[in-house]
Amino acid sequence: MSPRFGVEQIVFNRKTNEKGTVRRVYESNGITRHAVAVPVLQECSSFFNYSDWNEDVLEVEQEHSPVKNRPLVGNNKTNATQAESGSTFK
């Protein structure tokens, strides 16, 4: 696996029009994926939703706007968290 993006890199998802910070890079069924922390609100860096994104929809963040924010709720694709510092991926 040779990912295009690394941990702590800010990326933009062209499909969902969201940006976030890569927290983990992994491979699943031969596809490179990135666990990304997406801020719930642009002006708040304390609350994040975590989302797993395929690498093929990502590009380096270059001040794309507007960026939509996700609500602070969990569903089958994202897990809401209250603080970035308390979250870990295994």
N, C-alpha and C. Protein backbone atom coordinates (compact mmCIF):
# COMPACT_ATOMS: atom_id res chain seq x y z
N MET A 1 0.85 -1.17 0.00
CA MET A 1 0.00 0.00 0.00
C MET A 1 0.90 1.24 0.00
N SER A 2 0.65 2.13 -0.93
CA SER A 2 1.37 3.41 -0.95
C SER A 2 0.35 4.53 -1.08
N PRO A 3 -0.17 5.01 0.05
CA PRO A 3 -1.23 6.03 0.04
C PRO A 3 -0.72 7.37 -0.46
N ARG A 4 -1.61 8.13 -1.07
CA ARG A 4 -1.29 9.48 -1.56
C ARG A 4 -1.35 10.51 -0.44
N PHE A 5 -2.06 10.22 0.64
CA PHE A 5 -2.24 11.16 1.74
C PHE A 5 -1.80 10.52 3.04
N GLY A 6 -1.25 11.34 3.94
CA GLY A 6 -0.75 10.83 5.20
C GLY A 6 -1.53 11.36 6.39
N VAL A 7 -1.24 10.79 7.55
CA VAL A 7 -1.87 11.20 8.81
C VAL A 7 -1.57 12.68 9.06
N GLU A 8 -2.57 13.40 9.53
CA GLU A 8 -2.54 14.84 9.84
C GLU A 8 -2.61 15.72 8.60
N GLN A 9 -2.75 15.13 7.41
CA GLN A 9 -2.89 15.94 6.20
C GLN A 9 -4.36 16.33 6.03
N ILE A 10 -4.61 17.57 5.62
CA ILE A 10 -5.97 18.04 5.39
C ILE A 10 -6.34 17.69 3.95
N VAL A 11 -7.49 17.02 3.80
CA VAL A 11 -7.95 16.57 2.48
C VAL A 11 -9.36 17.07 2.21
N PHE A 12 -9.72 17.10 0.93
CA PHE A 12 -11.05 17.51 0.48
C PHE A 12 -11.68 16.34 -0.24
N ASN A 13 -12.93 16.02 0.11
CA ASN A 13 -13.68 14.93 -0.52
C ASN A 13 -14.56 15.55 -1.61
N ARG A 14 -14.23 15.28 -2.87
CA ARG A 14 -14.98 15.85 -4.00
C ARG A 14 -16.42 15.35 -4.04
N LYS A 15 -16.66 14.15 -3.59
CA LYS A 15 -18.00 13.56 -3.67
C LYS A 15 -18.96 14.18 -2.65
N THR A 16 -18.48 14.42 -1.43
CA THR A 16 -19.35 14.93 -0.37
C THR A 16 -19.17 16.42 -0.11
N ASN A 17 -18.19 17.04 -0.76
CA ASN A 17 -17.89 18.46 -0.58
C ASN A 17 -17.56 18.78 0.88
N GLU A 18 -16.71 17.94 1.48
CA GLU A 18 -16.30 18.11 2.87
C GLU A 18 -14.78 18.09 2.94
N LYS A 19 -14.26 18.72 3.97
CA LYS A 19 -12.82 18.61 4.21
C LYS A 19 -12.59 18.16 5.64
N GLY A 20 -11.45 17.52 5.85
CA GLY A 20 -11.13 17.04 7.17
C GLY A 20 -9.67 16.64 7.27
N THR A 21 -9.27 16.17 8.43
CA THR A 21 -7.89 15.79 8.70
C THR A 21 -7.77 14.29 8.79
N VAL A 22 -6.83 13.73 8.04
CA VAL A 22 -6.60 12.28 8.04
C VAL A 22 -6.09 11.87 9.41
N ARG A 23 -6.75 10.89 10.01
CA ARG A 23 -6.34 10.36 11.32
C ARG A 23 -5.73 8.97 11.22
N ARG A 24 -6.08 8.24 10.16
CA ARG A 24 -5.56 6.88 9.99
C ARG A 24 -5.68 6.50 8.53
N VAL A 25 -4.70 5.75 8.03
CA VAL A 25 -4.71 5.25 6.66
C VAL A 25 -4.67 3.72 6.75
N TYR A 26 -5.53 3.06 5.98
CA TYR A 26 -5.57 1.59 6.02
C TYR A 26 -6.06 1.06 4.68
N GLU A 27 -5.97 -0.24 4.53
CA GLU A 27 -6.43 -0.88 3.31
C GLU A 27 -7.57 -1.83 3.65
N SER A 28 -8.61 -1.82 2.81
CA SER A 28 -9.75 -2.70 3.00
C SER A 28 -10.15 -3.27 1.64
N ASN A 29 -10.08 -4.57 1.50
CA ASN A 29 -10.40 -5.25 0.24
C ASN A 29 -9.62 -4.68 -0.94
N GLY A 30 -8.35 -4.37 -0.71
CA GLY A 30 -7.48 -3.86 -1.77
C GLY A 30 -7.65 -2.38 -2.08
N ILE A 31 -8.49 -1.67 -1.32
CA ILE A 31 -8.74 -0.25 -1.55
C ILE A 31 -8.13 0.55 -0.40
N THR A 32 -7.35 1.58 -0.74
CA THR A 32 -6.79 2.45 0.28
C THR A 32 -7.88 3.37 0.80
N ARG A 33 -8.02 3.38 2.13
CA ARG A 33 -9.06 4.20 2.77
C ARG A 33 -8.42 5.08 3.84
N HIS A 34 -9.11 6.17 4.16
CA HIS A 34 -8.62 7.12 5.15
C HIS A 34 -9.72 7.40 6.17
N ALA A 35 -9.39 7.24 7.45
CA ALA A 35 -10.28 7.66 8.52
C ALA A 35 -10.03 9.15 8.71
N VAL A 36 -11.07 9.97 8.49
CA VAL A 36 -10.92 11.42 8.47
C VAL A 36 -11.79 12.06 9.55
N ALA A 37 -11.20 13.01 10.28
CA ALA A 37 -11.93 13.80 11.27
C ALA A 37 -12.49 15.02 10.56
N VAL A 38 -13.83 15.13 10.54
CA VAL A 38 -14.51 16.25 9.88
C VAL A 38 -15.12 17.14 10.98
N PRO A 39 -14.71 18.42 11.04
CA PRO A 39 -15.27 19.30 12.06
C PRO A 39 -16.79 19.41 11.93
N VAL A 40 -17.49 19.38 13.05
CA VAL A 40 -18.94 19.53 13.04
C VAL A 40 -19.30 20.94 12.58
N LEU A 41 -18.59 21.93 13.09
CA LEU A 41 -18.78 23.34 12.69
C LEU A 41 -17.43 23.89 12.26
N GLN A 42 -17.42 24.72 11.23
CA GLN A 42 -16.17 25.28 10.75
C GLN A 42 -15.44 26.08 11.82
N GLU A 43 -16.17 26.80 12.64
CA GLU A 43 -15.54 27.66 13.64
C GLU A 43 -15.22 26.92 14.94
N CYS A 44 -15.50 25.64 15.02
CA CYS A 44 -15.26 24.87 16.24
C CYS A 44 -14.36 23.69 15.93
N SER A 45 -13.21 23.63 16.56
CA SER A 45 -12.29 22.53 16.30
C SER A 45 -12.30 21.49 17.42
N SER A 46 -13.30 21.53 18.29
CA SER A 46 -13.36 20.59 19.40
C SER A 46 -14.26 19.39 19.14
N PHE A 47 -15.19 19.49 18.19
CA PHE A 47 -16.14 18.43 17.93
C PHE A 47 -16.00 17.92 16.51
N PHE A 48 -15.90 16.58 16.37
CA PHE A 48 -15.67 15.98 15.06
C PHE A 48 -16.61 14.81 14.81
N ASN A 49 -16.90 14.60 13.56
CA ASN A 49 -17.47 13.35 13.09
C ASN A 49 -16.32 12.63 12.41
N TYR A 50 -16.28 11.32 12.55
CA TYR A 50 -15.25 10.54 11.87
C TYR A 50 -15.90 9.78 10.72
N SER A 51 -15.23 9.83 9.59
CA SER A 51 -15.77 9.22 8.39
C SER A 51 -14.65 8.48 7.66
N ASP A 52 -14.97 7.35 7.06
CA ASP A 52 -14.00 6.59 6.28
C ASP A 52 -14.20 6.90 4.80
N TRP A 53 -13.15 7.42 4.15
CA TRP A 53 -13.24 7.84 2.76
C TRP A 53 -12.27 7.04 1.90
N ASN A 54 -12.75 6.63 0.71
CA ASN A 54 -11.88 6.01 -0.28
C ASN A 54 -10.92 7.06 -0.82
N GLU A 55 -9.70 6.65 -1.11
CA GLU A 55 -8.70 7.60 -1.58
C GLU A 55 -9.04 8.21 -2.95
N ASP A 56 -9.77 7.49 -3.78
CA ASP A 56 -10.03 7.98 -5.14
C ASP A 56 -10.93 9.21 -5.20
N VAL A 57 -11.60 9.59 -4.12
CA VAL A 57 -12.45 10.79 -4.12
C VAL A 57 -11.77 11.97 -3.40
N LEU A 58 -10.53 11.78 -2.97
CA LEU A 58 -9.84 12.79 -2.19
C LEU A 58 -8.83 13.58 -3.01
N GLU A 59 -8.63 14.82 -2.60
CA GLU A 59 -7.56 15.65 -3.14
C GLU A 59 -7.02 16.50 -2.00
N VAL A 60 -5.84 17.09 -2.20
CA VAL A 60 -5.25 17.95 -1.18
C VAL A 60 -6.14 19.17 -1.01
N GLU A 61 -6.42 19.54 0.23
CA GLU A 61 -7.27 20.69 0.52
C GLU A 61 -6.60 21.97 0.04
N GLN A 62 -7.34 22.74 -0.76
CA GLN A 62 -6.84 24.01 -1.28
C GLN A 62 -7.90 25.09 -1.11
N GLU A 63 -8.43 25.18 0.13
CA GLU A 63 -9.43 26.20 0.46
C GLU A 63 -10.68 26.10 -0.41
N HIS A 64 -11.22 24.89 -0.54
CA HIS A 64 -12.49 24.69 -1.22
C HIS A 64 -13.59 25.31 -0.37
N SER A 65 -14.57 25.87 -1.01
CA SER A 65 -15.71 26.39 -0.28
C SER A 65 -16.91 26.42 -1.21
N PRO A 66 -18.12 26.36 -0.73
CA PRO A 66 -18.41 26.16 0.68
C PRO A 66 -18.25 24.70 1.08
N VAL A 67 -18.04 24.48 2.34
CA VAL A 67 -17.94 23.13 2.87
C VAL A 67 -19.13 22.91 3.76
N LYS A 68 -19.88 21.84 3.51
CA LYS A 68 -21.03 21.57 4.36
C LYS A 68 -20.57 20.82 5.60
N ASN A 69 -21.23 21.07 6.69
CA ASN A 69 -20.91 20.41 7.95
C ASN A 69 -21.97 19.37 8.25
N ARG A 70 -21.55 18.31 8.87
CA ARG A 70 -22.47 17.26 9.27
C ARG A 70 -23.04 17.56 10.64
N PRO A 71 -24.26 17.14 10.92
CA PRO A 71 -24.80 17.32 12.26
C PRO A 71 -24.09 16.40 13.25
N LEU A 72 -24.15 16.74 14.51
CA LEU A 72 -23.51 15.94 15.54
C LEU A 72 -24.42 14.77 15.92
N VAL A 73 -24.49 13.81 15.02
CA VAL A 73 -25.25 12.58 15.26
C VAL A 73 -24.47 11.45 14.63
N GLY A 74 -24.70 10.24 15.11
CA GLY A 74 -24.04 9.08 14.53
C GLY A 74 -25.01 8.34 13.63
N ASN A 75 -24.47 7.74 12.59
CA ASN A 75 -25.25 6.85 11.75
C ASN A 75 -24.36 5.70 11.33
N ASN A 76 -24.76 4.92 10.35
CA ASN A 76 -23.97 3.75 10.00
C ASN A 76 -22.68 4.09 9.26
N LYS A 77 -22.50 5.34 8.83
CA LYS A 77 -21.28 5.71 8.13
C LYS A 77 -20.35 6.57 8.99
N THR A 78 -20.88 7.30 9.95
CA THR A 78 -20.04 8.16 10.78
C THR A 78 -20.35 7.92 12.24
N ASN A 79 -19.36 8.15 13.05
CA ASN A 79 -19.54 8.08 14.50
C ASN A 79 -19.21 9.43 15.07
N ALA A 80 -20.17 10.06 15.69
CA ALA A 80 -19.95 11.37 16.29
C ALA A 80 -19.11 11.19 17.53
N THR A 81 -18.26 12.15 17.78
CA THR A 81 -17.44 12.12 18.99
C THR A 81 -17.42 13.51 19.57
N GLN A 82 -17.20 13.61 20.86
CA GLN A 82 -17.23 14.92 21.50
C GLN A 82 -15.87 15.58 21.52
N ALA A 83 -14.81 14.82 21.53
CA ALA A 83 -13.49 15.44 21.58
C ALA A 83 -12.50 14.60 20.81
N GLU A 84 -11.72 15.25 19.99
CA GLU A 84 -10.74 14.56 19.17
C GLU A 84 -9.72 13.83 20.04
N SER A 85 -9.31 14.43 21.12
CA SER A 85 -8.23 13.86 21.93
C SER A 85 -8.63 12.54 22.58
N GLY A 86 -9.91 12.29 22.76
CA GLY A 86 -10.31 11.06 23.42
C GLY A 86 -10.61 9.93 22.46
N SER A 87 -10.44 10.15 21.16
CA SER A 87 -10.80 9.12 20.19
C SER A 87 -9.56 8.42 19.65
N THR A 88 -9.68 7.10 19.52
CA THR A 88 -8.61 6.33 18.90
C THR A 88 -9.23 5.31 17.97
N PHE A 89 -8.47 4.95 16.96
CA PHE A 89 -8.90 3.91 16.02
C PHE A 89 -8.07 2.67 16.28
N LYS A 90 -8.69 1.53 16.18
CA LYS A 90 -7.97 0.27 16.36
C LYS A 90 -8.11 -0.57 15.13
